[in-house]
Amino acid sequence: MTSRFHNQLLRARVQRTAGGFLLAFTRTSPGLDLRFIAAGLYEVASEMERRSHDMGACWAITVDAARARIAMELARDDSAARAEQFLHDVLAGFNLQ
């Protein structure tokens, strides 16, 4: 993965929801600019879209930059275990865990 986003100031937590997963991001520095957070979230979401397309997954990925969250909604027949592993792989690639 080639990324312009070099994370040193954000951490992500994966939460299971009724319809999929929620990635909640926190900043490690209180003075971190909100635009930096938004740019990072959109880059992570773009990578999620690319990888999920390559896998043939039909997940809905939505960025909520104001709340520093990315939601991923699964289709009914999707494996939650496969999706969770996918998320952990993406987060590890960005050093967000």
N, C-alpha and C. Protein backbone atom coordinates (compact mmCIF):
# COMPACT_ATOMS: atom_id res chain seq x y z
N MET A 1 0.85 -1.17 0.00
CA MET A 1 0.00 0.00 0.00
C MET A 1 0.90 1.23 0.00
N THR A 2 0.66 2.15 -0.89
CA THR A 2 1.37 3.41 -0.88
C THR A 2 0.45 4.46 -0.29
N SER A 3 0.93 5.12 0.71
CA SER A 3 0.09 6.05 1.45
C SER A 3 0.82 7.36 1.68
N ARG A 4 0.08 8.43 1.55
CA ARG A 4 0.63 9.73 1.92
C ARG A 4 0.39 10.00 3.40
N PHE A 5 -0.53 9.26 3.99
CA PHE A 5 -0.88 9.41 5.40
C PHE A 5 0.10 8.61 6.24
N HIS A 6 0.90 9.29 7.02
CA HIS A 6 1.87 8.64 7.89
C HIS A 6 1.40 8.84 9.33
N ASN A 7 0.77 7.81 9.86
CA ASN A 7 0.16 7.93 11.17
C ASN A 7 1.18 7.82 12.29
N GLN A 8 1.11 8.76 13.19
CA GLN A 8 1.83 8.70 14.45
C GLN A 8 0.95 9.25 15.56
N LEU A 9 -0.20 9.82 15.19
CA LEU A 9 -0.99 10.54 16.17
C LEU A 9 -2.42 10.04 16.33
N LEU A 10 -2.80 9.00 15.60
CA LEU A 10 -4.17 8.48 15.70
C LEU A 10 -4.15 7.01 16.10
N ARG A 11 -5.20 6.59 16.77
CA ARG A 11 -5.44 5.19 17.09
C ARG A 11 -6.88 4.88 16.72
N ALA A 12 -7.13 3.64 16.33
CA ALA A 12 -8.49 3.23 15.95
C ALA A 12 -8.91 2.04 16.80
N ARG A 13 -10.18 2.02 17.10
CA ARG A 13 -10.79 0.92 17.85
C ARG A 13 -11.92 0.36 17.01
N VAL A 14 -11.96 -0.95 16.84
CA VAL A 14 -13.01 -1.61 16.07
C VAL A 14 -14.12 -2.03 17.01
N GLN A 15 -15.35 -1.64 16.67
CA GLN A 15 -16.51 -2.01 17.46
C GLN A 15 -17.51 -2.71 16.54
N ARG A 16 -18.08 -3.79 17.04
CA ARG A 16 -19.12 -4.51 16.29
C ARG A 16 -20.44 -3.77 16.49
N THR A 17 -21.21 -3.63 15.42
CA THR A 17 -22.54 -3.02 15.49
C THR A 17 -23.56 -4.05 14.98
N ALA A 18 -24.82 -3.70 15.05
CA ALA A 18 -25.87 -4.61 14.59
C ALA A 18 -25.71 -4.94 13.10
N GLY A 19 -25.24 -3.98 12.30
CA GLY A 19 -25.15 -4.19 10.86
C GLY A 19 -23.75 -4.31 10.31
N GLY A 20 -22.74 -4.24 11.16
CA GLY A 20 -21.38 -4.30 10.65
C GLY A 20 -20.37 -3.92 11.70
N PHE A 21 -19.55 -2.93 11.36
CA PHE A 21 -18.47 -2.49 12.26
C PHE A 21 -18.35 -0.98 12.24
N LEU A 22 -17.81 -0.45 13.34
CA LEU A 22 -17.54 0.97 13.46
C LEU A 22 -16.08 1.12 13.87
N LEU A 23 -15.36 1.94 13.13
CA LEU A 23 -13.98 2.29 13.49
C LEU A 23 -14.04 3.64 14.17
N ALA A 24 -13.68 3.69 15.43
CA ALA A 24 -13.67 4.94 16.18
C ALA A 24 -12.22 5.37 16.36
N PHE A 25 -11.90 6.56 15.90
CA PHE A 25 -10.53 7.07 15.93
C PHE A 25 -10.35 8.05 17.08
N THR A 26 -9.22 7.95 17.75
CA THR A 26 -8.87 8.91 18.80
C THR A 26 -7.50 9.48 18.50
N ARG A 27 -7.30 10.68 18.92
CA ARG A 27 -6.00 11.33 18.70
C ARG A 27 -5.14 11.17 19.95
N THR A 28 -3.88 10.98 19.74
CA THR A 28 -2.96 10.83 20.86
C THR A 28 -2.45 12.18 21.33
N SER A 29 -2.67 13.21 20.53
CA SER A 29 -2.27 14.57 20.88
C SER A 29 -3.50 15.48 20.84
N PRO A 30 -3.83 16.14 21.96
CA PRO A 30 -5.04 16.97 21.97
C PRO A 30 -5.00 18.13 20.98
N GLY A 31 -3.85 18.57 20.58
CA GLY A 31 -3.73 19.69 19.67
C GLY A 31 -3.75 19.31 18.20
N LEU A 32 -4.03 18.05 17.91
CA LEU A 32 -4.01 17.59 16.52
C LEU A 32 -5.09 18.27 15.70
N ASP A 33 -4.70 18.80 14.57
CA ASP A 33 -5.61 19.53 13.69
C ASP A 33 -6.71 18.61 13.15
N LEU A 34 -7.95 19.07 13.18
CA LEU A 34 -9.08 18.26 12.73
C LEU A 34 -9.01 17.94 11.25
N ARG A 35 -8.38 18.79 10.48
CA ARG A 35 -8.23 18.51 9.04
C ARG A 35 -7.28 17.34 8.81
N PHE A 36 -6.28 17.20 9.66
CA PHE A 36 -5.37 16.06 9.58
C PHE A 36 -6.14 14.78 9.85
N ILE A 37 -6.99 14.80 10.86
CA ILE A 37 -7.81 13.63 11.18
C ILE A 37 -8.71 13.28 10.00
N ALA A 38 -9.40 14.27 9.45
CA ALA A 38 -10.30 14.02 8.32
C ALA A 38 -9.54 13.45 7.13
N ALA A 39 -8.38 14.00 6.82
CA ALA A 39 -7.59 13.51 5.69
C ALA A 39 -7.18 12.06 5.92
N GLY A 40 -6.79 11.73 7.13
CA GLY A 40 -6.42 10.36 7.46
C GLY A 40 -7.58 9.41 7.33
N LEU A 41 -8.75 9.80 7.81
CA LEU A 41 -9.93 8.95 7.73
C LEU A 41 -10.30 8.67 6.27
N TYR A 42 -10.26 9.69 5.44
CA TYR A 42 -10.61 9.49 4.03
C TYR A 42 -9.59 8.61 3.32
N GLU A 43 -8.33 8.70 3.71
CA GLU A 43 -7.34 7.83 3.09
C GLU A 43 -7.54 6.38 3.52
N VAL A 44 -7.85 6.17 4.80
CA VAL A 44 -8.13 4.82 5.28
C VAL A 44 -9.37 4.26 4.57
N ALA A 45 -10.42 5.07 4.47
CA ALA A 45 -11.65 4.63 3.80
C ALA A 45 -11.39 4.32 2.33
N SER A 46 -10.56 5.09 1.67
CA SER A 46 -10.22 4.81 0.26
C SER A 46 -9.52 3.47 0.12
N GLU A 47 -8.62 3.19 1.03
CA GLU A 47 -7.93 1.90 1.00
C GLU A 47 -8.91 0.76 1.29
N MET A 48 -9.84 0.98 2.19
CA MET A 48 -10.87 -0.02 2.48
C MET A 48 -11.71 -0.28 1.23
N GLU A 49 -12.07 0.77 0.52
CA GLU A 49 -12.87 0.61 -0.70
C GLU A 49 -12.10 -0.19 -1.75
N ARG A 50 -10.82 0.14 -1.94
CA ARG A 50 -10.01 -0.58 -2.94
C ARG A 50 -9.90 -2.06 -2.59
N ARG A 51 -9.56 -2.34 -1.35
CA ARG A 51 -9.37 -3.73 -0.94
C ARG A 51 -10.68 -4.52 -0.97
N SER A 52 -11.76 -3.89 -0.53
CA SER A 52 -13.04 -4.62 -0.53
C SER A 52 -13.50 -4.90 -1.96
N HIS A 53 -13.22 -3.99 -2.87
CA HIS A 53 -13.55 -4.22 -4.28
C HIS A 53 -12.76 -5.41 -4.82
N ASP A 54 -11.48 -5.45 -4.50
CA ASP A 54 -10.63 -6.56 -4.96
C ASP A 54 -11.11 -7.90 -4.41
N MET A 55 -11.72 -7.88 -3.22
CA MET A 55 -12.23 -9.10 -2.59
C MET A 55 -13.61 -9.48 -3.12
N GLY A 56 -14.25 -8.55 -3.83
CA GLY A 56 -15.61 -8.79 -4.29
C GLY A 56 -16.65 -8.58 -3.21
N ALA A 57 -16.28 -7.88 -2.16
CA ALA A 57 -17.22 -7.61 -1.05
C ALA A 57 -18.13 -6.44 -1.40
N CYS A 58 -19.34 -6.48 -0.90
CA CYS A 58 -20.32 -5.42 -1.16
C CYS A 58 -20.61 -4.65 0.13
N TRP A 59 -19.58 -4.15 0.76
CA TRP A 59 -19.73 -3.44 2.02
C TRP A 59 -19.96 -1.96 1.75
N ALA A 60 -20.79 -1.35 2.56
CA ALA A 60 -21.00 0.10 2.48
C ALA A 60 -20.05 0.74 3.49
N ILE A 61 -19.17 1.60 3.01
CA ILE A 61 -18.17 2.25 3.86
C ILE A 61 -18.48 3.74 3.89
N THR A 62 -18.69 4.27 5.10
CA THR A 62 -19.11 5.66 5.25
C THR A 62 -18.20 6.37 6.24
N VAL A 63 -17.70 7.54 5.84
CA VAL A 63 -16.83 8.33 6.71
C VAL A 63 -17.66 9.41 7.40
N ASP A 64 -17.48 9.53 8.71
CA ASP A 64 -18.05 10.61 9.50
C ASP A 64 -16.87 11.36 10.12
N ALA A 65 -16.32 12.29 9.35
CA ALA A 65 -15.10 12.99 9.77
C ALA A 65 -15.33 13.84 11.02
N ALA A 66 -16.52 14.41 11.17
CA ALA A 66 -16.80 15.25 12.33
C ALA A 66 -16.73 14.46 13.64
N ARG A 67 -17.09 13.19 13.57
CA ARG A 67 -17.05 12.34 14.77
C ARG A 67 -15.85 11.40 14.77
N ALA A 68 -14.98 11.53 13.78
CA ALA A 68 -13.78 10.69 13.65
C ALA A 68 -14.15 9.21 13.64
N ARG A 69 -15.04 8.85 12.71
CA ARG A 69 -15.52 7.47 12.61
C ARG A 69 -15.63 7.03 11.16
N ILE A 70 -15.46 5.74 10.96
CA ILE A 70 -15.76 5.11 9.69
C ILE A 70 -16.68 3.93 9.99
N ALA A 71 -17.83 3.90 9.34
CA ALA A 71 -18.77 2.79 9.52
C ALA A 71 -18.66 1.87 8.32
N MET A 72 -18.74 0.58 8.58
CA MET A 72 -18.74 -0.41 7.51
C MET A 72 -19.93 -1.32 7.74
N GLU A 73 -20.88 -1.24 6.81
CA GLU A 73 -22.09 -2.04 6.90
C GLU A 73 -21.94 -3.26 6.00
N LEU A 74 -22.25 -4.42 6.55
CA LEU A 74 -22.11 -5.67 5.81
C LEU A 74 -23.41 -6.04 5.11
N ALA A 75 -23.28 -6.77 4.01
CA ALA A 75 -24.46 -7.36 3.38
C ALA A 75 -24.89 -8.54 4.24
N ARG A 76 -26.12 -8.96 4.09
CA ARG A 76 -26.66 -10.04 4.95
C ARG A 76 -25.86 -11.32 4.89
N ASP A 77 -25.33 -11.65 3.74
CA ASP A 77 -24.63 -12.93 3.60
C ASP A 77 -23.13 -12.84 3.84
N ASP A 78 -22.64 -11.68 4.29
CA ASP A 78 -21.21 -11.51 4.53
C ASP A 78 -20.79 -12.15 5.84
N SER A 79 -19.59 -12.63 5.88
CA SER A 79 -19.00 -13.20 7.08
C SER A 79 -18.44 -12.07 7.94
N ALA A 80 -18.92 -11.98 9.18
CA ALA A 80 -18.42 -10.96 10.10
C ALA A 80 -16.96 -11.22 10.44
N ALA A 81 -16.59 -12.48 10.54
CA ALA A 81 -15.20 -12.82 10.86
C ALA A 81 -14.26 -12.36 9.74
N ARG A 82 -14.67 -12.57 8.49
CA ARG A 82 -13.86 -12.12 7.35
C ARG A 82 -13.74 -10.61 7.34
N ALA A 83 -14.83 -9.92 7.62
CA ALA A 83 -14.82 -8.45 7.63
C ALA A 83 -13.96 -7.92 8.77
N GLU A 84 -14.04 -8.56 9.92
CA GLU A 84 -13.23 -8.10 11.06
C GLU A 84 -11.74 -8.29 10.78
N GLN A 85 -11.37 -9.42 10.19
CA GLN A 85 -9.97 -9.64 9.83
C GLN A 85 -9.52 -8.61 8.80
N PHE A 86 -10.37 -8.31 7.85
CA PHE A 86 -10.11 -7.27 6.85
C PHE A 86 -9.79 -5.94 7.53
N LEU A 87 -10.62 -5.55 8.49
CA LEU A 87 -10.42 -4.28 9.19
C LEU A 87 -9.10 -4.26 9.95
N HIS A 88 -8.81 -5.34 10.64
CA HIS A 88 -7.55 -5.39 11.39
C HIS A 88 -6.34 -5.33 10.45
N ASP A 89 -6.44 -5.95 9.28
CA ASP A 89 -5.35 -5.89 8.30
C ASP A 89 -5.15 -4.46 7.79
N VAL A 90 -6.25 -3.77 7.48
CA VAL A 90 -6.16 -2.39 7.00
C VAL A 90 -5.56 -1.49 8.09
N LEU A 91 -6.06 -1.62 9.30
CA LEU A 91 -5.56 -0.79 10.40
C LEU A 91 -4.08 -1.05 10.68
N ALA A 92 -3.67 -2.30 10.60
CA ALA A 92 -2.25 -2.63 10.81
C ALA A 92 -1.40 -1.99 9.72
N GLY A 93 -1.90 -1.98 8.49
CA GLY A 93 -1.16 -1.37 7.39
C GLY A 93 -0.94 0.12 7.57
N PHE A 94 -1.83 0.77 8.28
CA PHE A 94 -1.71 2.20 8.56
C PHE A 94 -1.14 2.48 9.94
N ASN A 95 -0.77 1.42 10.68
CA ASN A 95 -0.25 1.57 12.03
C ASN A 95 -1.23 2.31 12.95
N LEU A 96 -2.49 1.89 12.91
CA LEU A 96 -3.54 2.55 13.69
C LEU A 96 -3.98 1.75 14.91
N GLN A 97 -3.39 0.59 15.14
CA GLN A 97 -3.83 -0.24 16.26
C GLN A 97 -3.00 0.01 17.49
